[in-house]
Protein backbone atom coordinates (compact mmCIF):
# COMPACT_ATOMS: atom_id res chain seq x y z
CA MET A 1 59.68 208.48 19.68
CA SER A 2 59.75 206.72 16.31
CA SER A 3 63.16 208.15 15.39
CA ARG A 4 64.55 206.92 18.71
CA TRP A 5 63.48 203.34 17.95
CA THR A 6 64.94 203.64 14.45
CA PHE A 7 68.26 204.80 15.92
CA ILE A 8 68.33 201.97 18.47
CA GLY A 9 67.43 199.45 15.76
CA GLY A 10 70.22 200.75 13.54
CA ILE A 11 72.76 200.40 16.32
CA LEU A 12 71.63 196.85 17.09
CA ALA A 13 71.76 195.94 13.39
CA GLY A 14 75.28 197.36 13.16
CA ILE A 15 76.46 195.36 16.14
CA ALA A 16 74.90 192.19 14.71
CA GLY A 17 76.59 192.93 11.39
CA VAL A 18 80.01 193.20 13.01
CA PHE A 19 79.59 189.84 14.76
CA THR A 20 78.30 188.24 11.55
CA ALA A 21 81.25 189.56 9.56
CA ALA A 22 83.67 188.21 12.17
CA ALA A 23 82.01 184.78 12.10
CA VAL A 24 82.11 184.66 8.29
CA SER A 25 85.75 185.73 8.29
CA ILE A 26 86.70 182.97 10.72
CA GLU A 27 84.75 180.40 8.70
CA LEU A 28 86.40 181.42 5.42
CA GLU A 29 89.84 181.34 7.01
CA SER A 30 89.23 177.87 8.42
CA ARG A 31 88.08 176.63 5.02
CA LYS A 32 91.21 178.06 3.42
CA ASN A 33 93.34 175.94 5.77
CA GLY A 34 90.82 173.08 5.82
CA SER A 35 93.17 170.26 4.90
CA LEU A 36 95.55 171.09 7.74
CA ASP A 37 92.77 171.52 10.31
CA ALA A 38 91.23 168.15 9.43
CA VAL A 39 94.43 166.39 10.50
CA ASP A 40 94.87 168.41 13.70
CA GLU A 41 91.23 168.18 14.83
CA PRO A 42 91.50 164.84 16.74
CA GLU A 43 94.71 166.00 18.40
CA ARG A 44 93.07 169.23 19.55
CA LEU A 45 90.06 167.40 20.99
CA ALA A 46 92.05 164.64 22.68
CA LEU A 47 92.38 164.83 26.45
CA PRO A 48 95.91 165.16 27.73
CA GLU A 49 97.31 161.94 29.14
CA SER A 50 98.68 162.04 32.63
CA GLU A 51 102.28 160.94 32.90
CA GLY A 52 103.81 159.45 36.00
CA VAL A 53 100.59 158.70 37.85
C-alpha cells in the first residue's frame, strides 16, 4: 500500500512540475519582451468601442 501512495505522489509531483515549468517559461518570456508589453498592456485591456451606434 505504501508503494502505491509513493507512486501516486510521484505522478502528482511530476504533473505539478510540468505546470510550474510552463508558468516560469511564460514569465521569463514576458520579462524578455517587457518593454514592448508595457506599452501594449492598456490597449489589450481596453474595451472595444462600438462604431455606428
